[in-house]
Amino acid sequence: MSRRTTKTYPLEFKQSSAKLAGESDRPIVETAKDLGVNPTTLYGWVQKFNPRTGTPTEGKSPIEEELKRLRLENIRLKQQRDILKKAAAYFASEM
């Protein structure tokens, strides 16, 4: 049974690699190969770091945050509805 080892890269390396991949005309796969990094890892770094400034992006957009909030609220409301249905069925059967 083989164990996988995960490499940890310094933050500066991640930022500069993401910047290089974002600004380069070459495909990310080739850039990753040259850097000795898994292409999937480099794709993740490019998404995580803004390729123009090399700094982390400011998080999710307001639309994504609102969508997440509404989804959570929808789940909560469905749970409340289900509880009320069960309570109504219980009290209706007692009569």
PDB file of N, CA and C in Angstrom:
ATOM      1  N   MET A   1       0.842  -1.175   0.000  1.00  0.00           N
ATOM      2  CA  MET A   1       0.000   0.000   0.000  1.00  0.00           C
ATOM      3  C   MET A   1       0.887   1.238   0.000  1.00  0.00           C
ATOM      4  N   SER A   2       0.695   2.114  -0.951  1.00  0.00           N
ATOM      5  CA  SER A   2       1.530   3.308  -1.046  1.00  0.00           C
ATOM      6  C   SER A   2       0.819   4.489  -0.395  1.00  0.00           C
ATOM      7  N   ARG A   3       1.598   5.326   0.190  1.00  0.00           N
ATOM      8  CA  ARG A   3       1.062   6.528   0.816  1.00  0.00           C
ATOM      9  C   ARG A   3       1.336   7.718  -0.078  1.00  0.00           C
ATOM     10  N   ARG A   4       0.371   8.555  -0.188  1.00  0.00           N
ATOM     11  CA  ARG A   4       0.551   9.783  -0.954  1.00  0.00           C
ATOM     12  C   ARG A   4       1.121  10.848  -0.033  1.00  0.00           C
ATOM     13  N   THR A   5       2.029  11.580  -0.544  1.00  0.00           N
ATOM     14  CA  THR A   5       2.553  12.704   0.207  1.00  0.00           C
ATOM     15  C   THR A   5       2.111  13.972  -0.486  1.00  0.00           C
ATOM     16  N   THR A   6       1.731  14.928   0.302  1.00  0.00           N
ATOM     17  CA  THR A   6       1.315  16.198  -0.269  1.00  0.00           C
ATOM     18  C   THR A   6       2.423  17.210  -0.059  1.00  0.00           C
ATOM     19  N   LYS A   7       2.714  17.931  -1.099  1.00  0.00           N
ATOM     20  CA  LYS A   7       3.723  18.973  -1.019  1.00  0.00           C
ATOM     21  C   LYS A   7       3.057  20.257  -0.543  1.00  0.00           C
ATOM     22  N   THR A   8       3.744  20.972   0.287  1.00  0.00           N
ATOM     23  CA  THR A   8       3.277  22.295   0.673  1.00  0.00           C
ATOM     24  C   THR A   8       4.220  23.314   0.071  1.00  0.00           C
ATOM     25  N   TYR A   9       3.639  24.285  -0.571  1.00  0.00           N
ATOM     26  CA  TYR A   9       4.404  25.310  -1.253  1.00  0.00           C
ATOM     27  C   TYR A   9       4.275  26.623  -0.494  1.00  0.00           C
ATOM     28  N   PRO A  10       5.326  27.429  -0.493  1.00  0.00           N
ATOM     29  CA  PRO A  10       5.235  28.742   0.154  1.00  0.00           C
ATOM     30  C   PRO A  10       4.211  29.629  -0.554  1.00  0.00           C
ATOM     31  N   LEU A  11       3.629  30.530   0.196  1.00  0.00           N
ATOM     32  CA  LEU A  11       2.606  31.422  -0.341  1.00  0.00           C
ATOM     33  C   LEU A  11       3.151  32.252  -1.502  1.00  0.00           C
ATOM     34  N   GLU A  12       4.370  32.723  -1.381  1.00  0.00           N
ATOM     35  CA  GLU A  12       4.968  33.534  -2.454  1.00  0.00           C
ATOM     36  C   GLU A  12       5.084  32.745  -3.749  1.00  0.00           C
ATOM     37  N   PHE A  13       5.433  31.452  -3.640  1.00  0.00           N
ATOM     38  CA  PHE A  13       5.531  30.606  -4.824  1.00  0.00           C
ATOM     39  C   PHE A  13       4.158  30.436  -5.475  1.00  0.00           C
ATOM     40  N   LYS A  14       3.141  30.228  -4.655  1.00  0.00           N
ATOM     41  CA  LYS A  14       1.777  30.073  -5.184  1.00  0.00           C
ATOM     42  C   LYS A  14       1.340  31.336  -5.917  1.00  0.00           C
ATOM     43  N   GLN A  15       1.581  32.487  -5.276  1.00  0.00           N
ATOM     44  CA  GLN A  15       1.160  33.755  -5.884  1.00  0.00           C
ATOM     45  C   GLN A  15       1.891  34.023  -7.195  1.00  0.00           C
ATOM     46  N   SER A  16       3.205  33.809  -7.185  1.00  0.00           N
ATOM     47  CA  SER A  16       3.963  34.093  -8.410  1.00  0.00           C
ATOM     48  C   SER A  16       3.619  33.095  -9.514  1.00  0.00           C
ATOM     49  N   SER A  17       3.356  31.844  -9.145  1.00  0.00           N
ATOM     50  CA  SER A  17       2.964  30.844 -10.143  1.00  0.00           C
ATOM     51  C   SER A  17       1.613  31.185 -10.751  1.00  0.00           C
ATOM     52  N   ALA A  18       0.676  31.612  -9.916  1.00  0.00           N
ATOM     53  CA  ALA A  18      -0.651  31.993 -10.407  1.00  0.00           C
ATOM     54  C   ALA A  18      -0.554  33.210 -11.325  1.00  0.00           C
ATOM     55  N   LYS A  19       0.291  34.147 -10.930  1.00  0.00           N
ATOM     56  CA  LYS A  19       0.475  35.346 -11.754  1.00  0.00           C
ATOM     57  C   LYS A  19       1.088  34.980 -13.102  1.00  0.00           C
ATOM     58  N   LEU A  20       2.109  34.129 -13.067  1.00  0.00           N
ATOM     59  CA  LEU A  20       2.766  33.690 -14.298  1.00  0.00           C
ATOM     60  C   LEU A  20       1.784  32.964 -15.212  1.00  0.00           C
ATOM     61  N   ALA A  21       0.995  32.057 -14.652  1.00  0.00           N
ATOM     62  CA  ALA A  21       0.034  31.290 -15.454  1.00  0.00           C
ATOM     63  C   ALA A  21      -1.053  32.189 -16.017  1.00  0.00           C
ATOM     64  N   GLY A  22      -1.472  33.181 -15.248  1.00  0.00           N
ATOM     65  CA  GLY A  22      -2.531  34.083 -15.698  1.00  0.00           C
ATOM     66  C   GLY A  22      -2.084  35.037 -16.788  1.00  0.00           C
ATOM     67  N   GLU A  23      -0.822  35.461 -16.733  1.00  0.00           N
ATOM     68  CA  GLU A  23      -0.335  36.440 -17.692  1.00  0.00           C
ATOM     69  C   GLU A  23       0.344  35.814 -18.905  1.00  0.00           C
ATOM     70  N   SER A  24       0.654  34.523 -18.833  1.00  0.00           N
ATOM     71  CA  SER A  24       1.361  33.848 -19.912  1.00  0.00           C
ATOM     72  C   SER A  24       0.419  33.499 -21.061  1.00  0.00           C
ATOM     73  N   ASP A  25       0.976  33.435 -22.259  1.00  0.00           N
ATOM     74  CA  ASP A  25       0.205  33.020 -23.425  1.00  0.00           C
ATOM     75  C   ASP A  25       0.161  31.503 -23.548  1.00  0.00           C
ATOM     76  N   ARG A  26       0.992  30.813 -22.776  1.00  0.00           N
ATOM     77  CA  ARG A  26       1.074  29.354 -22.826  1.00  0.00           C
ATOM     78  C   ARG A  26      -0.065  28.733 -22.020  1.00  0.00           C
ATOM     79  N   PRO A  27      -0.453  27.519 -22.351  1.00  0.00           N
ATOM     80  CA  PRO A  27      -1.484  26.840 -21.564  1.00  0.00           C
ATOM     81  C   PRO A  27      -1.011  26.584 -20.133  1.00  0.00           C
ATOM     82  N   ILE A  28      -1.949  26.557 -19.210  1.00  0.00           N
ATOM     83  CA  ILE A  28      -1.620  26.339 -17.800  1.00  0.00           C
ATOM     84  C   ILE A  28      -0.953  24.988 -17.602  1.00  0.00           C
ATOM     85  N   VAL A  29      -1.339  23.995 -18.398  1.00  0.00           N
ATOM     86  CA  VAL A  29      -0.751  22.661 -18.268  1.00  0.00           C
ATOM     87  C   VAL A  29       0.751  22.718 -18.519  1.00  0.00           C
ATOM     88  N   GLU A  30       1.167  23.452 -19.553  1.00  0.00           N
ATOM     89  CA  GLU A  30       2.600  23.569 -19.857  1.00  0.00           C
ATOM     90  C   GLU A  30       3.329  24.342 -18.766  1.00  0.00           C
ATOM     91  N   THR A  31       2.717  25.411 -18.277  1.00  0.00           N
ATOM     92  CA  THR A  31       3.329  26.196 -17.208  1.00  0.00           C
ATOM     93  C   THR A  31       3.498  25.341 -15.959  1.00  0.00           C
ATOM     94  N   ALA A  32       2.477  24.548 -15.639  1.00  0.00           N
ATOM     95  CA  ALA A  32       2.547  23.667 -14.468  1.00  0.00           C
ATOM     96  C   ALA A  32       3.674  22.650 -14.630  1.00  0.00           C
ATOM     97  N   LYS A  33       3.815  22.115 -15.821  1.00  0.00           N
ATOM     98  CA  LYS A  33       4.875  21.130 -16.079  1.00  0.00           C
ATOM     99  C   LYS A  33       6.250  21.762 -15.881  1.00  0.00           C
ATOM    100  N   ASP A  34       6.419  22.980 -16.378  1.00  0.00           N
ATOM    101  CA  ASP A  34       7.695  23.684 -16.218  1.00  0.00           C
ATOM    102  C   ASP A  34       8.003  23.975 -14.751  1.00  0.00           C
ATOM    103  N   LEU A  35       6.961  24.266 -13.970  1.00  0.00           N
ATOM    104  CA  LEU A  35       7.157  24.581 -12.556  1.00  0.00           C
ATOM    105  C   LEU A  35       7.252  23.336 -11.678  1.00  0.00           C
ATOM    106  N   GLY A  36       6.904  22.177 -12.235  1.00  0.00           N
ATOM    107  CA  GLY A  36       6.923  20.943 -11.450  1.00  0.00           C
ATOM    108  C   GLY A  36       5.733  20.824 -10.516  1.00  0.00           C
ATOM    109  N   VAL A  37       4.612  21.378 -10.953  1.00  0.00           N
ATOM    110  CA  VAL A  37       3.394  21.405 -10.148  1.00  0.00           C
ATOM    111  C   VAL A  37       2.295  20.677 -10.904  1.00  0.00           C
ATOM    112  N   ASN A  38       1.408  20.034 -10.178  1.00  0.00           N
ATOM    113  CA  ASN A  38       0.253  19.386 -10.787  1.00  0.00           C
ATOM    114  C   ASN A  38      -0.616  20.465 -11.445  1.00  0.00           C
ATOM    115  N   PRO A  39      -1.072  20.247 -12.686  1.00  0.00           N
ATOM    116  CA  PRO A  39      -1.901  21.256 -13.352  1.00  0.00           C
ATOM    117  C   PRO A  39      -3.163  21.628 -12.567  1.00  0.00           C
ATOM    118  N   THR A  40      -3.776  20.656 -11.909  1.00  0.00           N
ATOM    119  CA  THR A  40      -4.979  20.941 -11.125  1.00  0.00           C
ATOM    120  C   THR A  40      -4.655  21.891  -9.980  1.00  0.00           C
ATOM    121  N   THR A  41      -3.503  21.691  -9.378  1.00  0.00           N
ATOM    122  CA  THR A  41      -3.070  22.572  -8.292  1.00  0.00           C
ATOM    123  C   THR A  41      -2.879  23.991  -8.803  1.00  0.00           C
ATOM    124  N   LEU A  42      -2.246  24.117  -9.957  1.00  0.00           N
ATOM    125  CA  LEU A  42      -2.020  25.445 -10.525  1.00  0.00           C
ATOM    126  C   LEU A  42      -3.333  26.117 -10.911  1.00  0.00           C
ATOM    127  N   TYR A  43      -4.283  25.352 -11.438  1.00  0.00           N
ATOM    128  CA  TYR A  43      -5.607  25.913 -11.739  1.00  0.00           C
ATOM    129  C   TYR A  43      -6.238  26.477 -10.472  1.00  0.00           C
ATOM    130  N   GLY A  44      -6.117  25.742  -9.381  1.00  0.00           N
ATOM    131  CA  GLY A  44      -6.667  26.201  -8.099  1.00  0.00           C
ATOM    132  C   GLY A  44      -6.016  27.490  -7.632  1.00  0.00           C
ATOM    133  N   TRP A  45      -4.707  27.580  -7.796  1.00  0.00           N
ATOM    134  CA  TRP A  45      -4.008  28.805  -7.402  1.00  0.00           C
ATOM    135  C   TRP A  45      -4.432  29.987  -8.249  1.00  0.00           C
ATOM    136  N   VAL A  46      -4.618  29.750  -9.542  1.00  0.00           N
ATOM    137  CA  VAL A  46      -5.043  30.838 -10.431  1.00  0.00           C
ATOM    138  C   VAL A  46      -6.422  31.336 -10.021  1.00  0.00           C
ATOM    139  N   GLN A  47      -7.307  30.421  -9.632  1.00  0.00           N
ATOM    140  CA  GLN A  47      -8.636  30.835  -9.195  1.00  0.00           C
ATOM    141  C   GLN A  47      -8.581  31.540  -7.842  1.00  0.00           C
ATOM    142  N   LYS A  48      -7.694  31.087  -6.976  1.00  0.00           N
ATOM    143  CA  LYS A  48      -7.617  31.655  -5.629  1.00  0.00           C
ATOM    144  C   LYS A  48      -6.968  33.030  -5.624  1.00  0.00           C
ATOM    145  N   PHE A  49      -5.958  33.216  -6.426  1.00  0.00           N
ATOM    146  CA  PHE A  49      -5.220  34.476  -6.439  1.00  0.00           C
ATOM    147  C   PHE A  49      -5.523  35.254  -7.703  1.00  0.00           C
ATOM    148  N   ASN A  50      -5.687  36.534  -7.537  1.00  0.00           N
ATOM    149  CA  ASN A  50      -5.936  37.405  -8.674  1.00  0.00           C
ATOM    150  C   ASN A  50      -4.656  37.480  -9.497  1.00  0.00           C
ATOM    151  N   PRO A  51      -4.651  37.037 -10.743  1.00  0.00           N
ATOM    152  CA  PRO A  51      -3.413  37.010 -11.513  1.00  0.00           C
ATOM    153  C   PRO A  51      -2.815  38.389 -11.780  1.00  0.00           C
ATOM    154  N   ARG A  52      -3.573  39.444 -11.683  1.00  0.00           N
ATOM    155  CA  ARG A  52      -3.032  40.780 -11.965  1.00  0.00           C
ATOM    156  C   ARG A  52      -2.243  41.335 -10.781  1.00  0.00           C
ATOM    157  N   THR A  53      -2.707  41.057  -9.561  1.00  0.00           N
ATOM    158  CA  THR A  53      -2.037  41.638  -8.402  1.00  0.00           C
ATOM    159  C   THR A  53      -1.294  40.615  -7.571  1.00  0.00           C
ATOM    160  N   GLY A  54      -1.637  39.345  -7.704  1.00  0.00           N
ATOM    161  CA  GLY A  54      -0.980  38.315  -6.922  1.00  0.00           C
ATOM    162  C   GLY A  54      -1.453  38.245  -5.484  1.00  0.00           C
ATOM    163  N   THR A  55      -2.585  38.885  -5.203  1.00  0.00           N
ATOM    164  CA  THR A  55      -3.125  38.862  -3.848  1.00  0.00           C
ATOM    165  C   THR A  55      -4.417  38.067  -3.841  1.00  0.00           C
ATOM    166  N   PRO A  56      -4.809  37.540  -2.675  1.00  0.00           N
ATOM    167  CA  PRO A  56      -6.059  36.790  -2.638  1.00  0.00           C
ATOM    168  C   PRO A  56      -7.230  37.670  -3.059  1.00  0.00           C
ATOM    169  N   THR A  57      -8.196  37.070  -3.721  1.00  0.00           N
ATOM    170  CA  THR A  57      -9.378  37.815  -4.112  1.00  0.00           C
ATOM    171  C   THR A  57     -10.197  38.130  -2.871  1.00  0.00           C
ATOM    172  N   GLU A  58     -11.060  39.077  -2.957  1.00  0.00           N
ATOM    173  CA  GLU A  58     -11.813  39.570  -1.811  1.00  0.00           C
ATOM    174  C   GLU A  58     -12.965  38.671  -1.399  1.00  0.00           C
ATOM    175  N   GLY A  59     -12.963  37.431  -1.787  1.00  0.00           N
ATOM    176  CA  GLY A  59     -14.039  36.538  -1.398  1.00  0.00           C
ATOM    177  C   GLY A  59     -15.086  36.438  -2.479  1.00  0.00           C
ATOM    178  N   LYS A  60     -16.260  36.104  -2.050  1.00  0.00           N
ATOM    179  CA  LYS A  60     -17.341  35.890  -3.006  1.00  0.00           C
ATOM    180  C   LYS A  60     -17.997  37.201  -3.379  1.00  0.00           C
ATOM    181  N   SER A  61     -18.593  37.200  -4.548  1.00  0.00           N
ATOM    182  CA  SER A  61     -19.306  38.390  -4.995  1.00  0.00           C
ATOM    183  C   SER A  61     -20.593  38.515  -4.177  1.00  0.00           C
ATOM    184  N   PRO A  62     -21.174  39.702  -4.148  1.00  0.00           N
ATOM    185  CA  PRO A  62     -22.415  39.895  -3.390  1.00  0.00           C
ATOM    186  C   PRO A  62     -23.545  38.980  -3.870  1.00  0.00           C
ATOM    187  N   ILE A  63     -23.567  38.678  -5.148  1.00  0.00           N
ATOM    188  CA  ILE A  63     -24.615  37.794  -5.677  1.00  0.00           C
ATOM    189  C   ILE A  63     -24.435  36.385  -5.135  1.00  0.00           C
ATOM    190  N   GLU A  64     -23.179  35.895  -5.094  1.00  0.00           N
ATOM    191  CA  GLU A  64     -22.919  34.561  -4.555  1.00  0.00           C
ATOM    192  C   GLU A  64     -23.258  34.488  -3.070  1.00  0.00           C
ATOM    193  N   GLU A  65     -22.937  35.561  -2.319  1.00  0.00           N
ATOM    194  CA  GLU A  65     -23.260  35.591  -0.897  1.00  0.00           C
ATOM    195  C   GLU A  65     -24.771  35.581  -0.687  1.00  0.00           C
ATOM    196  N   GLU A  66     -25.483  36.363  -1.484  1.00  0.00           N
ATOM    197  CA  GLU A  66     -26.947  36.414  -1.376  1.00  0.00           C
ATOM    198  C   GLU A  66     -27.559  35.059  -1.729  1.00  0.00           C
ATOM    199  N   LEU A  67     -27.030  34.407  -2.760  1.00  0.00           N
ATOM    200  CA  LEU A  67     -27.523  33.094  -3.157  1.00  0.00           C
ATOM    201  C   LEU A  67     -27.312  32.081  -2.035  1.00  0.00           C
ATOM    202  N   LYS A  68     -26.150  32.105  -1.414  1.00  0.00           N
ATOM    203  CA  LYS A  68     -25.876  31.195  -0.308  1.00  0.00           C
ATOM    204  C   LYS A  68     -26.835  31.457   0.859  1.00  0.00           C
ATOM    205  N   ARG A  69     -27.042  32.741   1.183  1.00  0.00           N
ATOM    206  CA  ARG A  69     -27.951  33.099   2.271  1.00  0.00           C
ATOM    207  C   ARG A  69     -29.372  32.625   1.983  1.00  0.00           C
ATOM    208  N   LEU A  70     -29.815  32.816   0.745  1.00  0.00           N
ATOM    209  CA  LEU A  70     -31.170  32.410   0.375  1.00  0.00           C
ATOM    210  C   LEU A  70     -31.331  30.892   0.387  1.00  0.00           C
ATOM    211  N   ARG A  71     -30.307  30.176  -0.033  1.00  0.00           N
ATOM    212  CA  ARG A  71     -30.374  28.715   0.011  1.00  0.00           C
ATOM    213  C   ARG A  71     -30.487  28.215   1.444  1.00  0.00           C
ATOM    214  N   LEU A  72     -29.697  28.803   2.341  1.00  0.00           N
ATOM    215  CA  LEU A  72     -29.776  28.407   3.748  1.00  0.00           C
ATOM    216  C   LEU A  72     -31.146  28.741   4.341  1.00  0.00           C
ATOM    217  N   GLU A  73     -31.664  29.914   3.992  1.00  0.00           N
ATOM    218  CA  GLU A  73     -32.988  30.297   4.464  1.00  0.00           C
ATOM    219  C   GLU A  73     -34.060  29.353   3.919  1.00  0.00           C
ATOM    220  N   ASN A  74     -33.911  28.944   2.665  1.00  0.00           N
ATOM    221  CA  ASN A  74     -34.856  28.008   2.053  1.00  0.00           C
ATOM    222  C   ASN A  74     -34.858  26.676   2.804  1.00  0.00           C
ATOM    223  N   ILE A  75     -33.683  26.185   3.161  1.00  0.00           N
ATOM    224  CA  ILE A  75     -33.584  24.930   3.913  1.00  0.00           C
ATOM    225  C   ILE A  75     -34.267  25.072   5.266  1.00  0.00           C
ATOM    226  N   ARG A  76     -33.999  26.203   5.953  1.00  0.00           N
ATOM    227  CA  ARG A  76     -34.602  26.433   7.267  1.00  0.00           C
ATOM    228  C   ARG A  76     -36.123  26.505   7.164  1.00  0.00           C
ATOM    229  N   LEU A  77     -36.632  27.197   6.163  1.00  0.00           N
ATOM    230  CA  LEU A  77     -38.083  27.322   6.003  1.00  0.00           C
ATOM    231  C   LEU A  77     -38.739  25.981   5.677  1.00  0.00           C
ATOM    232  N   LYS A  78     -38.078  25.157   4.881  1.00  0.00           N
ATOM    233  CA  LYS A  78     -38.619  23.825   4.590  1.00  0.00           C
ATOM    234  C   LYS A  78     -38.676  22.969   5.846  1.00  0.00           C
ATOM    235  N   GLN A  79     -37.666  23.079   6.697  1.00  0.00           N
ATOM    236  CA  GLN A  79     -37.670  22.325   7.950  1.00  0.00           C
ATOM    237  C   GLN A  79     -38.817  22.790   8.845  1.00  0.00           C
ATOM    238  N   GLN A  80     -39.013  24.091   8.928  1.00  0.00           N
ATOM    239  CA  GLN A  80     -40.116  24.616   9.730  1.00  0.00           C
ATOM    240  C   GLN A  80     -41.465  24.157   9.182  1.00  0.00           C
ATOM    241  N   ARG A  81     -41.610  24.169   7.872  1.00  0.00           N
ATOM    242  CA  ARG A  81     -42.853  23.721   7.244  1.00  0.00           C
ATOM    243  C   ARG A  81     -43.132  22.258   7.577  1.00  0.00           C
ATOM    244  N   ASP A  82     -42.085  21.424   7.484  1.00  0.00           N
ATOM    245  CA  ASP A  82     -42.244  19.997   7.772  1.00  0.00           C
ATOM    246  C   ASP A  82     -42.647  19.769   9.229  1.00  0.00           C
ATOM    247  N   ILE A  83     -42.072  20.549  10.131  1.00  0.00           N
ATOM    248  CA  ILE A  83     -42.429  20.424  11.548  1.00  0.00           C
ATOM    249  C   ILE A  83     -43.884  20.808  11.749  1.00  0.00           C
ATOM    250  N   LEU A  84     -44.324  21.882  11.127  1.00  0.00           N
ATOM    251  CA  LEU A  84     -45.714  22.318  11.263  1.00  0.00           C
ATOM    252  C   LEU A  84     -46.685  21.297  10.659  1.00  0.00           C
ATOM    253  N   LYS A  85     -46.312  20.673   9.550  1.00  0.00           N
ATOM    254  CA  LYS A  85     -47.158  19.630   8.958  1.00  0.00           C
ATOM    255  C   LYS A  85     -47.328  18.467   9.918  1.00  0.00           C
ATOM    256  N   LYS A  86     -46.223  18.033  10.523  1.00  0.00           N
ATOM    257  CA  LYS A  86     -46.272  16.913  11.461  1.00  0.00           C
ATOM    258  C   LYS A  86     -47.092  17.270  12.696  1.00  0.00           C
ATOM    259  N   ALA A  87     -46.928  18.504  13.174  1.00  0.00           N
ATOM    260  CA  ALA A  87     -47.692  18.936  14.348  1.00  0.00           C
ATOM    261  C   ALA A  87     -49.185  18.990  14.020  1.00  0.00           C
ATOM    262  N   ALA A  88     -49.529  19.503  12.859  1.00  0.00           N
ATOM    263  CA  ALA A  88     -50.940  19.584  12.462  1.00  0.00           C
ATOM    264  C   ALA A  88     -51.524  18.178  12.326  1.00  0.00           C
ATOM    265  N   ALA A  89     -50.772  17.256  11.748  1.00  0.00           N
ATOM    266  CA  ALA A  89     -51.254  15.879  11.601  1.00  0.00           C
ATOM    267  C   ALA A  89     -51.418  15.238  12.983  1.00  0.00           C
ATOM    268  N   TYR A  90     -50.517  15.500  13.898  1.00  0.00           N
ATOM    269  CA  TYR A  90     -50.593  14.914  15.237  1.00  0.00           C
ATOM    270  C   TYR A  90     -51.815  15.424  15.969  1.00  0.00           C
ATOM    271  N   PHE A  91     -52.037  16.738  15.969  1.00  0.00           N
ATOM    272  CA  PHE A  91     -53.173  17.303  16.682  1.00  0.00           C
ATOM    273  C   PHE A  91     -54.498  16.949  16.007  1.00  0.00           C
ATOM    274  N   ALA A  92     -54.504  16.765  14.702  1.00  0.00           N
ATOM    275  CA  ALA A  92     -55.730  16.359  14.012  1.00  0.00           C
ATOM    276  C   ALA A  92     -56.098  14.923  14.361  1.00  0.00           C
ATOM    277  N   SER A  93     -55.123  14.078  14.608  1.00  0.00           N
ATOM    278  CA  SER A  93     -55.415  12.678  14.940  1.00  0.00           C
ATOM    279  C   SER A  93     -55.886  12.506  16.376  1.00  0.00           C
ATOM    280  N   GLU A  94     -55.634  13.473  17.241  1.00  0.00           N
ATOM    281  CA  GLU A  94     -56.049  13.375  18.641  1.00  0.00           C
ATOM    282  C   GLU A  94     -57.534  13.653  18.813  1.00  0.00           C
ATOM    283  N   MET A  95     -58.161  14.295  17.918  1.00  0.00           N
ATOM    284  CA  MET A  95     -59.571  14.668  18.068  1.00  0.00           C
ATOM    285  C   MET A  95     -60.454  13.510  17.895  1.00  0.00           C
TER     286      MET A  95
END
